[in-house]
C-alpha cells in the first residue's frame, strides 16, 4: 500500500461505523460518511479503517495511521530483540505512555497483565468484559479491556485488547497476539525481528 506524503498530514484518531475522527495538520475533524471537511472527504468507515478522498485520490487509512498528499512507499519501523538466556524475548513496552517490561508470547491470544500490573499502569479494568482464565494456579477471574495505545520501541498500535487477570499473575506481563498479530515477525541470527 502507498501512503500520501507532501501537503496535508491526516491521521485517523477515532473510527466507528460511518464516522471518523481525523487529525489534519494537528486539527481534529469529526466527519460522517459522505461529508467533506477541509479538503478531506470520508467515503466509508468502520472500527478498523476508513476510506478517505483527498485531492481526488482515495486511500484506506487504518486507526492510528497517517497520510499526507503525494505518493511514497511506507517506511515501516523494525525492532530487533535479542534472545534471552532461556530462549525468550523481552522488551520494554509502553502501554498508554507507561513503561513495563514484557515477554513476547505468540501463544497468548491477547496482551496479558496481572491485576497488580494493570493498576500500576493506571488501567481501569473492573468494567471490562468479565471472564475466567486458566493459569498454573487454577481458574481465576479475568477482565477483557482495550487500551488506547501499545508502543514497542516505536511500533505503535491503538485500541489493543488486553486480558487482565485478577491478582499478581502473570508476574511477567505478556505481549500477546492482540498486538503482535498486526505485525511481521521473523528470526535472524538469534534475534526476533518485529516489523510493520
N, C-alpha and C. Protein backbone atom coordinates (compact mmCIF):
# COMPACT_ATOMS: atom_id res chain seq x y z
N UNK A 1 0.84 -1.17 0.00
CA UNK A 1 0.00 0.00 0.00
C UNK A 1 0.89 1.24 0.00
N UNK A 2 0.45 2.26 -0.69
CA UNK A 2 1.19 3.52 -0.73
C UNK A 2 0.52 4.52 0.18
N UNK A 3 1.29 5.43 0.69
CA UNK A 3 0.72 6.49 1.52
C UNK A 3 0.97 7.82 0.87
N UNK A 4 0.18 8.81 1.26
CA UNK A 4 0.37 10.16 0.77
C UNK A 4 1.54 10.80 1.53
N UNK A 5 2.35 11.62 0.85
CA UNK A 5 3.34 12.45 1.55
C UNK A 5 3.35 13.82 0.88
N UNK A 6 3.44 14.89 1.62
CA UNK A 6 3.52 16.19 0.98
C UNK A 6 2.71 17.25 1.67
N UNK A 7 1.57 17.68 1.10
CA UNK A 7 0.84 18.84 1.61
C UNK A 7 0.32 18.63 3.03
N UNK A 8 -0.86 18.06 3.14
CA UNK A 8 -1.53 17.97 4.44
C UNK A 8 -1.31 16.60 5.07
N UNK A 9 -1.04 16.58 6.37
CA UNK A 9 -0.94 15.32 7.10
C UNK A 9 -2.29 15.01 7.72
N UNK A 10 -2.77 13.79 7.50
CA UNK A 10 -4.06 13.36 8.02
C UNK A 10 -3.85 12.07 8.79
N UNK A 11 -4.39 12.02 10.02
CA UNK A 11 -4.25 10.83 10.87
C UNK A 11 -5.62 10.42 11.38
N UNK A 12 -5.90 9.11 11.39
CA UNK A 12 -7.15 8.59 11.95
C UNK A 12 -6.94 8.37 13.45
N UNK A 13 -7.65 9.14 14.27
CA UNK A 13 -7.50 9.00 15.72
C UNK A 13 -8.71 8.34 16.38
N UNK A 14 -9.82 8.22 15.65
CA UNK A 14 -11.00 7.53 16.15
C UNK A 14 -11.86 7.07 15.00
N UNK A 15 -12.25 5.79 15.00
CA UNK A 15 -13.04 5.24 13.89
C UNK A 15 -14.24 4.49 14.42
N UNK A 16 -15.35 4.65 13.75
CA UNK A 16 -16.57 3.91 14.07
C UNK A 16 -17.36 3.76 12.79
N UNK A 17 -18.48 3.08 12.85
CA UNK A 17 -19.29 2.85 11.67
C UNK A 17 -19.76 4.18 11.07
N UNK A 18 -19.34 4.44 9.84
CA UNK A 18 -19.75 5.61 9.05
C UNK A 18 -19.38 6.95 9.66
N UNK A 19 -18.37 6.97 10.54
CA UNK A 19 -17.91 8.22 11.13
C UNK A 19 -16.45 8.08 11.52
N UNK A 20 -15.69 9.17 11.40
CA UNK A 20 -14.28 9.14 11.75
C UNK A 20 -13.88 10.43 12.45
N UNK A 21 -12.93 10.31 13.36
CA UNK A 21 -12.29 11.48 13.96
C UNK A 21 -10.88 11.49 13.37
N UNK A 22 -10.61 12.52 12.58
CA UNK A 22 -9.33 12.63 11.90
C UNK A 22 -8.60 13.85 12.44
N UNK A 23 -7.27 13.82 12.33
CA UNK A 23 -6.45 14.98 12.62
C UNK A 23 -5.82 15.42 11.33
N UNK A 24 -6.08 16.66 10.93
CA UNK A 24 -5.45 17.21 9.73
C UNK A 24 -4.55 18.35 10.15
N UNK A 25 -3.27 18.19 9.94
CA UNK A 25 -2.28 19.19 10.35
C UNK A 25 -2.50 19.62 11.80
N UNK A 26 -2.78 18.64 12.68
CA UNK A 26 -2.92 18.89 14.10
C UNK A 26 -4.31 19.33 14.54
N UNK A 27 -5.24 19.56 13.61
CA UNK A 27 -6.59 19.99 13.95
C UNK A 27 -7.55 18.81 13.83
N UNK A 28 -8.39 18.59 14.85
CA UNK A 28 -9.34 17.47 14.86
C UNK A 28 -10.56 17.77 14.01
N UNK A 29 -10.95 16.78 13.22
CA UNK A 29 -12.15 16.87 12.38
C UNK A 29 -13.03 15.67 12.67
N UNK A 30 -14.31 15.89 12.92
CA UNK A 30 -15.27 14.81 13.06
C UNK A 30 -16.08 14.80 11.76
N UNK A 31 -15.99 13.69 11.02
CA UNK A 31 -16.59 13.63 9.69
C UNK A 31 -17.47 12.39 9.58
N UNK A 32 -18.66 12.56 9.02
CA UNK A 32 -19.56 11.44 8.74
C UNK A 32 -19.36 11.01 7.29
N UNK A 33 -19.68 9.75 6.99
CA UNK A 33 -19.55 9.22 5.64
C UNK A 33 -20.30 10.13 4.67
N UNK A 34 -19.64 10.48 3.56
CA UNK A 34 -20.22 11.35 2.54
C UNK A 34 -19.92 12.83 2.76
N UNK A 35 -19.44 13.17 3.94
CA UNK A 35 -19.15 14.56 4.30
C UNK A 35 -17.72 14.92 3.90
N UNK A 36 -17.49 16.20 3.61
CA UNK A 36 -16.15 16.70 3.32
C UNK A 36 -15.86 17.89 4.21
N UNK A 37 -14.67 17.87 4.82
CA UNK A 37 -14.22 18.99 5.64
C UNK A 37 -12.76 19.25 5.32
N UNK A 38 -12.43 20.51 5.08
CA UNK A 38 -11.07 20.96 4.83
C UNK A 38 -10.36 20.11 3.77
N UNK A 39 -11.09 19.77 2.70
CA UNK A 39 -10.50 19.04 1.59
C UNK A 39 -10.37 17.54 1.80
N UNK A 40 -10.91 17.02 2.91
CA UNK A 40 -10.89 15.58 3.19
C UNK A 40 -12.33 15.07 3.19
N UNK A 41 -12.62 14.11 2.32
CA UNK A 41 -13.97 13.53 2.25
C UNK A 41 -13.92 12.10 2.79
N UNK A 42 -14.85 11.79 3.69
CA UNK A 42 -14.94 10.43 4.23
C UNK A 42 -15.87 9.63 3.33
N UNK A 43 -15.35 8.58 2.73
CA UNK A 43 -16.13 7.71 1.86
C UNK A 43 -16.84 6.65 2.69
N UNK A 44 -16.09 5.97 3.57
CA UNK A 44 -16.66 4.94 4.43
C UNK A 44 -15.77 4.77 5.65
N UNK A 45 -16.33 4.12 6.70
CA UNK A 45 -15.56 3.91 7.92
C UNK A 45 -16.15 2.79 8.73
N UNK A 46 -15.27 2.02 9.41
CA UNK A 46 -15.69 1.06 10.43
C UNK A 46 -14.69 1.20 11.58
N UNK A 47 -14.71 0.29 12.53
CA UNK A 47 -13.84 0.44 13.70
C UNK A 47 -12.37 0.17 13.41
N UNK A 48 -12.05 -0.41 12.24
CA UNK A 48 -10.66 -0.75 11.92
C UNK A 48 -10.00 0.24 10.97
N UNK A 49 -10.76 0.73 9.97
CA UNK A 49 -10.18 1.64 8.98
C UNK A 49 -11.25 2.49 8.34
N UNK A 50 -10.80 3.54 7.67
CA UNK A 50 -11.71 4.38 6.90
C UNK A 50 -11.12 4.56 5.51
N UNK A 51 -11.98 4.96 4.58
CA UNK A 51 -11.53 5.31 3.24
C UNK A 51 -11.82 6.79 3.09
N UNK A 52 -10.76 7.55 2.77
CA UNK A 52 -10.92 8.98 2.57
C UNK A 52 -10.54 9.34 1.15
N UNK A 53 -11.03 10.50 0.71
CA UNK A 53 -10.65 11.03 -0.59
C UNK A 53 -10.04 12.40 -0.35
N UNK A 54 -8.83 12.58 -0.88
CA UNK A 54 -8.10 13.83 -0.72
C UNK A 54 -7.42 14.13 -2.03
N UNK A 55 -7.61 15.33 -2.55
CA UNK A 55 -7.01 15.72 -3.84
C UNK A 55 -7.39 14.75 -4.95
N UNK A 56 -8.63 14.23 -4.90
CA UNK A 56 -9.12 13.34 -5.95
C UNK A 56 -8.63 11.91 -5.84
N UNK A 57 -7.85 11.58 -4.82
CA UNK A 57 -7.33 10.22 -4.64
C UNK A 57 -7.96 9.58 -3.42
N UNK A 58 -8.39 8.31 -3.56
CA UNK A 58 -8.95 7.56 -2.44
C UNK A 58 -7.88 6.68 -1.82
N UNK A 59 -7.86 6.67 -0.48
CA UNK A 59 -6.89 5.86 0.25
C UNK A 59 -7.55 5.29 1.50
N UNK A 60 -7.15 4.06 1.85
CA UNK A 60 -7.57 3.45 3.12
C UNK A 60 -6.64 3.96 4.21
N UNK A 61 -7.22 4.23 5.37
CA UNK A 61 -6.45 4.76 6.49
C UNK A 61 -6.83 3.97 7.73
N UNK A 62 -5.87 3.21 8.28
CA UNK A 62 -6.12 2.40 9.49
C UNK A 62 -6.07 3.30 10.71
N UNK A 63 -6.71 2.84 11.79
CA UNK A 63 -6.71 3.57 13.05
C UNK A 63 -5.28 3.81 13.50
N UNK A 64 -4.94 5.07 13.76
CA UNK A 64 -3.60 5.44 14.21
C UNK A 64 -2.62 5.72 13.08
N UNK A 65 -3.00 5.39 11.84
CA UNK A 65 -2.10 5.61 10.71
C UNK A 65 -2.24 7.03 10.18
N UNK A 66 -1.20 7.50 9.49
CA UNK A 66 -1.20 8.85 8.94
C UNK A 66 -1.05 8.81 7.43
N UNK A 67 -1.61 9.81 6.76
CA UNK A 67 -1.45 10.00 5.33
C UNK A 67 -1.08 11.45 5.09
N UNK A 68 -0.41 11.69 3.98
CA UNK A 68 -0.17 13.06 3.52
C UNK A 68 -0.26 13.02 2.00
N UNK A 69 -0.32 14.15 1.32
CA UNK A 69 -0.53 14.11 -0.13
C UNK A 69 0.77 13.82 -0.88
N UNK A 70 0.69 13.28 -2.11
CA UNK A 70 1.82 12.81 -2.90
C UNK A 70 2.03 11.33 -2.61
N UNK A 71 2.82 10.59 -3.35
CA UNK A 71 2.97 9.16 -3.11
C UNK A 71 4.40 8.80 -2.74
N UNK A 72 4.54 7.89 -1.78
CA UNK A 72 5.83 7.28 -1.47
C UNK A 72 5.57 5.97 -0.76
N UNK A 73 6.53 5.07 -0.81
CA UNK A 73 6.38 3.79 -0.13
C UNK A 73 6.39 4.03 1.37
N UNK A 74 5.58 3.29 2.13
CA UNK A 74 5.58 3.49 3.58
C UNK A 74 6.90 3.07 4.20
N UNK A 75 7.28 3.77 5.24
CA UNK A 75 8.51 3.46 5.95
C UNK A 75 8.14 2.74 7.24
N UNK A 76 8.09 1.42 7.20
CA UNK A 76 7.73 0.62 8.37
C UNK A 76 8.87 0.56 9.36
N UNK A 77 8.53 0.61 10.62
CA UNK A 77 9.54 0.51 11.67
C UNK A 77 9.90 -0.95 11.91
N UNK A 78 11.07 -1.17 12.48
CA UNK A 78 11.55 -2.52 12.75
C UNK A 78 12.23 -2.53 14.13
N UNK A 79 11.96 -3.59 14.88
CA UNK A 79 12.57 -3.78 16.20
C UNK A 79 13.28 -5.12 16.19
N UNK A 80 14.49 -5.16 16.73
CA UNK A 80 15.25 -6.41 16.84
C UNK A 80 15.45 -6.71 18.32
N UNK A 81 14.98 -7.88 18.75
CA UNK A 81 15.10 -8.28 20.15
C UNK A 81 16.05 -9.47 20.26
N UNK A 82 17.09 -9.36 21.10
CA UNK A 82 18.00 -10.49 21.28
C UNK A 82 17.33 -11.59 22.11
N UNK A 83 17.71 -12.83 21.81
CA UNK A 83 17.18 -13.97 22.55
C UNK A 83 17.78 -13.98 23.96
N UNK A 84 16.91 -14.15 24.96
CA UNK A 84 17.37 -14.22 26.33
C UNK A 84 17.98 -15.57 26.64
N UNK A 85 18.51 -15.76 27.86
CA UNK A 85 19.20 -17.00 28.23
C UNK A 85 18.31 -18.24 28.15
N UNK A 86 17.01 -18.09 28.31
CA UNK A 86 16.10 -19.24 28.22
C UNK A 86 15.40 -19.33 26.86
N UNK A 87 15.92 -18.59 25.88
CA UNK A 87 15.35 -18.63 24.54
C UNK A 87 14.11 -17.76 24.39
N UNK A 88 13.89 -16.87 25.34
CA UNK A 88 12.72 -16.00 25.29
C UNK A 88 13.15 -14.59 24.89
N UNK A 89 12.14 -13.79 24.47
CA UNK A 89 12.40 -12.42 24.04
C UNK A 89 11.65 -11.46 24.96
N UNK A 90 12.36 -10.46 25.47
CA UNK A 90 11.78 -9.45 26.35
C UNK A 90 12.01 -8.07 25.77
N UNK A 91 11.13 -7.14 26.13
CA UNK A 91 11.33 -5.74 25.74
C UNK A 91 10.54 -4.83 26.67
N UNK A 92 11.02 -3.61 26.80
CA UNK A 92 10.23 -2.58 27.47
C UNK A 92 9.16 -2.14 26.48
N UNK A 93 7.94 -2.03 26.97
CA UNK A 93 6.79 -1.66 26.15
C UNK A 93 6.04 -0.55 26.88
N UNK A 94 5.53 0.41 26.13
CA UNK A 94 4.71 1.47 26.72
C UNK A 94 3.24 1.16 26.47
N UNK A 95 2.47 1.13 27.55
CA UNK A 95 1.03 0.97 27.45
C UNK A 95 0.42 2.26 27.96
N UNK A 96 -0.29 2.96 27.07
CA UNK A 96 -0.84 4.27 27.40
C UNK A 96 0.22 5.20 27.99
N UNK A 97 1.44 5.10 27.45
CA UNK A 97 2.52 6.00 27.85
C UNK A 97 3.33 5.56 29.05
N UNK A 98 2.93 4.46 29.71
CA UNK A 98 3.67 3.99 30.88
C UNK A 98 4.46 2.73 30.52
N UNK A 99 5.69 2.65 30.97
CA UNK A 99 6.60 1.58 30.56
C UNK A 99 6.52 0.37 31.48
N UNK A 100 6.54 -0.82 30.85
CA UNK A 100 6.55 -2.09 31.57
C UNK A 100 7.41 -3.08 30.77
N UNK A 101 8.15 -3.93 31.46
CA UNK A 101 8.96 -4.98 30.82
C UNK A 101 8.02 -6.14 30.50
N UNK A 102 8.04 -6.61 29.23
CA UNK A 102 7.11 -7.66 28.81
C UNK A 102 7.85 -8.80 28.11
N UNK A 103 7.25 -9.98 28.20
CA UNK A 103 7.71 -11.17 27.49
C UNK A 103 6.92 -11.29 26.20
N UNK A 104 7.61 -11.42 25.07
CA UNK A 104 6.95 -11.62 23.79
C UNK A 104 6.41 -13.04 23.78
N UNK A 105 5.08 -13.19 23.64
CA UNK A 105 4.45 -14.50 23.74
C UNK A 105 3.43 -14.69 22.61
N UNK A 106 3.86 -15.39 21.55
CA UNK A 106 2.96 -15.62 20.41
C UNK A 106 1.89 -16.66 20.75
N UNK A 107 2.00 -17.31 21.89
CA UNK A 107 0.99 -18.27 22.33
C UNK A 107 -0.14 -17.62 23.11
N UNK A 108 0.02 -16.35 23.46
CA UNK A 108 -1.02 -15.63 24.20
C UNK A 108 -1.94 -14.93 23.20
N UNK A 109 -3.23 -15.19 23.29
CA UNK A 109 -4.19 -14.57 22.37
C UNK A 109 -4.14 -13.06 22.47
N UNK A 110 -4.11 -12.55 23.70
CA UNK A 110 -4.10 -11.10 23.92
C UNK A 110 -2.89 -10.69 24.73
N UNK A 111 -2.63 -9.41 24.75
CA UNK A 111 -1.71 -8.87 25.74
C UNK A 111 -2.29 -9.26 27.09
N UNK A 112 -1.46 -9.76 28.01
CA UNK A 112 -1.97 -10.23 29.31
C UNK A 112 -1.20 -9.56 30.44
N UNK A 113 -1.97 -9.04 31.39
CA UNK A 113 -1.39 -8.37 32.56
C UNK A 113 -2.05 -8.90 33.82
N UNK A 114 -1.32 -8.90 34.90
CA UNK A 114 -1.94 -9.18 36.19
C UNK A 114 -2.73 -7.94 36.61
N UNK A 115 -3.68 -8.13 37.52
CA UNK A 115 -4.41 -7.00 38.06
C UNK A 115 -3.48 -6.01 38.73
N UNK A 116 -2.47 -6.53 39.43
CA UNK A 116 -1.50 -5.66 40.11
C UNK A 116 -0.77 -4.76 39.10
N UNK A 117 -0.30 -5.36 37.99
CA UNK A 117 0.41 -4.59 36.97
C UNK A 117 -0.52 -3.59 36.30
N UNK A 118 -1.75 -4.02 36.01
CA UNK A 118 -2.72 -3.11 35.37
C UNK A 118 -2.95 -1.88 36.24
N UNK A 119 -3.09 -2.08 37.53
CA UNK A 119 -3.29 -0.94 38.44
C UNK A 119 -2.07 -0.02 38.43
N UNK A 120 -0.85 -0.60 38.43
CA UNK A 120 0.37 0.20 38.39
C UNK A 120 0.44 1.04 37.10
N UNK A 121 -0.13 0.50 36.01
CA UNK A 121 -0.12 1.20 34.73
C UNK A 121 -1.30 2.15 34.58
N UNK A 122 -2.16 2.20 35.59
CA UNK A 122 -3.31 3.10 35.52
C UNK A 122 -4.45 2.59 34.66
N UNK A 123 -4.50 1.27 34.44
CA UNK A 123 -5.56 0.69 33.61
C UNK A 123 -6.73 0.31 34.50
N UNK A 124 -7.86 0.91 34.23
CA UNK A 124 -9.09 0.63 34.96
C UNK A 124 -9.77 -0.55 34.28
N UNK A 125 -9.80 -1.68 34.91
CA UNK A 125 -10.30 -2.88 34.24
C UNK A 125 -11.58 -3.46 34.83
N UNK A 126 -12.03 -2.98 35.96
CA UNK A 126 -13.18 -3.58 36.65
C UNK A 126 -14.46 -3.56 35.81
N UNK A 127 -14.57 -2.62 34.86
CA UNK A 127 -15.74 -2.56 34.00
C UNK A 127 -15.55 -3.30 32.68
N UNK A 128 -14.44 -4.04 32.57
CA UNK A 128 -14.18 -4.82 31.36
C UNK A 128 -15.11 -6.02 31.28
N UNK A 129 -15.00 -6.76 30.19
CA UNK A 129 -15.81 -7.97 30.00
C UNK A 129 -15.26 -9.05 30.93
N UNK A 130 -16.11 -9.48 31.86
CA UNK A 130 -15.69 -10.49 32.85
C UNK A 130 -15.57 -11.86 32.20
N UNK A 131 -14.57 -12.60 32.67
CA UNK A 131 -14.37 -13.96 32.19
C UNK A 131 -13.56 -14.75 33.21
N UNK A 132 -13.10 -15.91 32.77
CA UNK A 132 -12.23 -16.74 33.61
C UNK A 132 -11.06 -17.19 32.75
N UNK A 133 -9.92 -17.29 33.40
CA UNK A 133 -8.71 -17.72 32.70
C UNK A 133 -8.08 -18.88 33.45
N UNK A 134 -7.57 -19.84 32.68
CA UNK A 134 -6.87 -20.98 33.28
C UNK A 134 -5.40 -20.60 33.45
N UNK A 135 -4.90 -20.72 34.68
CA UNK A 135 -3.49 -20.46 34.96
C UNK A 135 -2.90 -21.69 35.64
N UNK A 136 -1.60 -21.67 35.88
CA UNK A 136 -0.95 -22.77 36.57
C UNK A 136 -1.53 -22.94 37.98
N UNK A 137 -2.03 -21.86 38.56
CA UNK A 137 -2.61 -21.90 39.89
C UNK A 137 -4.10 -22.23 39.91
N UNK A 138 -4.68 -22.47 38.74
CA UNK A 138 -6.11 -22.79 38.66
C UNK A 138 -6.88 -21.76 37.87
N UNK A 139 -8.19 -21.81 37.99
CA UNK A 139 -9.09 -20.89 37.28
C UNK A 139 -9.20 -19.59 38.08
N UNK A 140 -9.00 -18.46 37.41
CA UNK A 140 -9.06 -17.15 38.07
C UNK A 140 -9.96 -16.21 37.27
N UNK A 141 -10.44 -15.16 37.93
CA UNK A 141 -11.25 -14.15 37.26
C UNK A 141 -10.36 -13.31 36.35
N UNK A 142 -10.91 -12.93 35.22
CA UNK A 142 -10.17 -12.05 34.30
C UNK A 142 -11.14 -11.03 33.70
N UNK A 143 -10.56 -10.00 33.12
CA UNK A 143 -11.33 -8.92 32.52
C UNK A 143 -10.71 -8.57 31.18
N UNK A 144 -11.52 -8.51 30.13
CA UNK A 144 -11.04 -8.10 28.81
C UNK A 144 -11.33 -6.62 28.63
N UNK A 145 -10.27 -5.84 28.39
CA UNK A 145 -10.41 -4.40 28.19
C UNK A 145 -9.63 -4.02 26.93
N UNK A 146 -9.78 -2.78 26.52
CA UNK A 146 -8.98 -2.25 25.42
C UNK A 146 -8.21 -1.05 25.94
N UNK A 147 -6.94 -0.98 25.57
CA UNK A 147 -6.12 0.16 25.95
C UNK A 147 -5.93 1.04 24.72
N UNK A 148 -5.75 2.33 24.95
CA UNK A 148 -5.64 3.27 23.83
C UNK A 148 -4.43 2.99 22.95
N UNK A 149 -3.29 2.66 23.58
CA UNK A 149 -2.05 2.61 22.81
C UNK A 149 -1.05 1.63 23.43
N UNK A 150 -0.44 0.81 22.57
CA UNK A 150 0.67 -0.06 22.97
C UNK A 150 1.83 0.27 22.03
N UNK A 151 3.01 0.58 22.61
CA UNK A 151 4.16 1.00 21.81
C UNK A 151 5.36 0.13 22.15
N UNK A 152 5.85 -0.60 21.14
CA UNK A 152 7.05 -1.44 21.26
C UNK A 152 8.18 -0.73 20.53
N UNK A 153 8.99 0.01 21.25
CA UNK A 153 10.17 0.69 20.70
C UNK A 153 9.86 1.44 19.40
N UNK A 154 8.76 2.17 19.38
CA UNK A 154 8.41 2.98 18.21
C UNK A 154 7.35 2.38 17.31
N UNK A 155 7.04 1.10 17.48
CA UNK A 155 5.94 0.48 16.73
C UNK A 155 4.70 0.61 17.60
N UNK A 156 3.73 1.37 17.12
CA UNK A 156 2.55 1.68 17.92
C UNK A 156 1.29 1.10 17.29
N UNK A 157 0.45 0.53 18.14
CA UNK A 157 -0.88 0.07 17.72
C UNK A 157 -1.88 0.64 18.72
N UNK A 158 -3.08 0.89 18.21
CA UNK A 158 -4.12 1.56 19.00
C UNK A 158 -5.29 0.63 19.26
N UNK A 159 -6.01 0.90 20.36
CA UNK A 159 -7.23 0.15 20.70
C UNK A 159 -6.93 -1.35 20.79
N UNK A 160 -5.93 -1.71 21.58
CA UNK A 160 -5.43 -3.09 21.68
C UNK A 160 -6.14 -3.84 22.81
N UNK A 161 -6.60 -5.07 22.53
CA UNK A 161 -7.24 -5.90 23.54
C UNK A 161 -6.22 -6.38 24.56
N UNK A 162 -6.59 -6.26 25.84
CA UNK A 162 -5.73 -6.68 26.95
C UNK A 162 -6.57 -7.54 27.90
N UNK A 163 -6.03 -8.69 28.27
CA UNK A 163 -6.67 -9.55 29.25
C UNK A 163 -6.00 -9.29 30.60
N UNK A 164 -6.78 -8.81 31.57
CA UNK A 164 -6.27 -8.53 32.90
C UNK A 164 -6.73 -9.65 33.82
N UNK A 165 -5.77 -10.35 34.42
CA UNK A 165 -6.07 -11.48 35.30
C UNK A 165 -5.96 -11.00 36.74
N UNK A 166 -7.04 -11.15 37.48
CA UNK A 166 -7.09 -10.67 38.86
C UNK A 166 -5.96 -11.28 39.68
N UNK A 167 -5.28 -10.45 40.47
CA UNK A 167 -4.20 -10.93 41.33
C UNK A 167 -2.83 -10.52 40.82
N UNK A 168 -1.83 -11.35 41.12
CA UNK A 168 -0.45 -10.99 40.80
C UNK A 168 0.14 -11.80 39.65
N UNK A 169 -0.63 -12.69 39.03
CA UNK A 169 -0.11 -13.48 37.90
C UNK A 169 -0.82 -13.08 36.63
N UNK A 170 -0.13 -13.02 35.46
CA UNK A 170 1.27 -13.40 35.30
C UNK A 170 2.20 -12.35 35.92
N UNK A 171 3.25 -12.85 36.59
CA UNK A 171 4.18 -11.91 37.21
C UNK A 171 5.02 -11.18 36.17
N UNK A 172 5.15 -11.76 34.97
CA UNK A 172 5.78 -11.08 33.84
C UNK A 172 4.68 -10.82 32.82
N UNK A 173 4.36 -9.56 32.53
CA UNK A 173 3.33 -9.25 31.54
C UNK A 173 3.67 -9.85 30.18
N UNK A 174 2.63 -10.28 29.46
CA UNK A 174 2.81 -10.95 28.17
C UNK A 174 2.38 -10.05 27.02
N UNK A 175 3.26 -9.89 26.05
CA UNK A 175 2.94 -9.16 24.83
C UNK A 175 2.39 -10.18 23.84
N UNK A 176 1.07 -10.28 23.78
CA UNK A 176 0.41 -11.33 23.00
C UNK A 176 -0.02 -10.90 21.61
N UNK A 177 -0.82 -11.76 20.98
CA UNK A 177 -1.17 -11.59 19.58
C UNK A 177 -2.14 -10.45 19.29
N UNK A 178 -2.84 -9.92 20.29
CA UNK A 178 -3.69 -8.76 20.00
C UNK A 178 -2.83 -7.58 19.54
N UNK A 179 -1.56 -7.58 19.90
CA UNK A 179 -0.59 -6.60 19.40
C UNK A 179 0.27 -7.21 18.30
N UNK A 180 0.89 -8.35 18.58
CA UNK A 180 1.85 -8.96 17.64
C UNK A 180 1.20 -9.41 16.33
N UNK A 181 -0.07 -9.80 16.39
CA UNK A 181 -0.76 -10.30 15.19
C UNK A 181 -0.90 -9.26 14.10
N UNK A 182 -0.69 -7.99 14.41
CA UNK A 182 -0.78 -6.91 13.43
C UNK A 182 0.57 -6.62 12.77
N UNK A 183 1.60 -7.41 13.14
CA UNK A 183 2.96 -7.14 12.70
C UNK A 183 3.57 -8.38 12.05
N UNK A 184 4.74 -8.20 11.44
CA UNK A 184 5.50 -9.31 10.86
C UNK A 184 6.59 -9.70 11.84
N UNK A 185 6.82 -11.01 11.98
CA UNK A 185 7.88 -11.48 12.86
C UNK A 185 8.73 -12.51 12.14
N UNK A 186 10.04 -12.35 12.24
CA UNK A 186 10.98 -13.32 11.66
C UNK A 186 12.14 -13.50 12.64
N UNK A 187 12.89 -14.57 12.46
CA UNK A 187 14.10 -14.83 13.24
C UNK A 187 15.31 -14.51 12.36
N UNK A 188 16.31 -13.88 12.94
CA UNK A 188 17.53 -13.58 12.20
C UNK A 188 18.71 -13.64 13.15
N UNK A 189 19.53 -14.67 13.01
CA UNK A 189 20.76 -14.85 13.79
C UNK A 189 20.52 -14.66 15.28
N UNK A 190 19.54 -15.37 15.81
CA UNK A 190 19.27 -15.34 17.25
C UNK A 190 18.47 -14.17 17.72
N UNK A 191 18.03 -13.31 16.80
CA UNK A 191 17.21 -12.17 17.17
C UNK A 191 15.81 -12.33 16.60
N UNK A 192 14.82 -11.83 17.34
CA UNK A 192 13.47 -11.77 16.82
C UNK A 192 13.29 -10.41 16.18
N UNK A 193 12.92 -10.40 14.90
CA UNK A 193 12.74 -9.15 14.17
C UNK A 193 11.24 -8.92 14.03
N UNK A 194 10.76 -7.82 14.61
CA UNK A 194 9.35 -7.46 14.54
C UNK A 194 9.26 -6.20 13.71
N UNK A 195 8.41 -6.22 12.67
CA UNK A 195 8.33 -5.07 11.78
C UNK A 195 6.89 -4.81 11.36
N UNK A 196 6.67 -3.56 10.93
CA UNK A 196 5.35 -3.16 10.45
C UNK A 196 5.16 -3.64 9.04
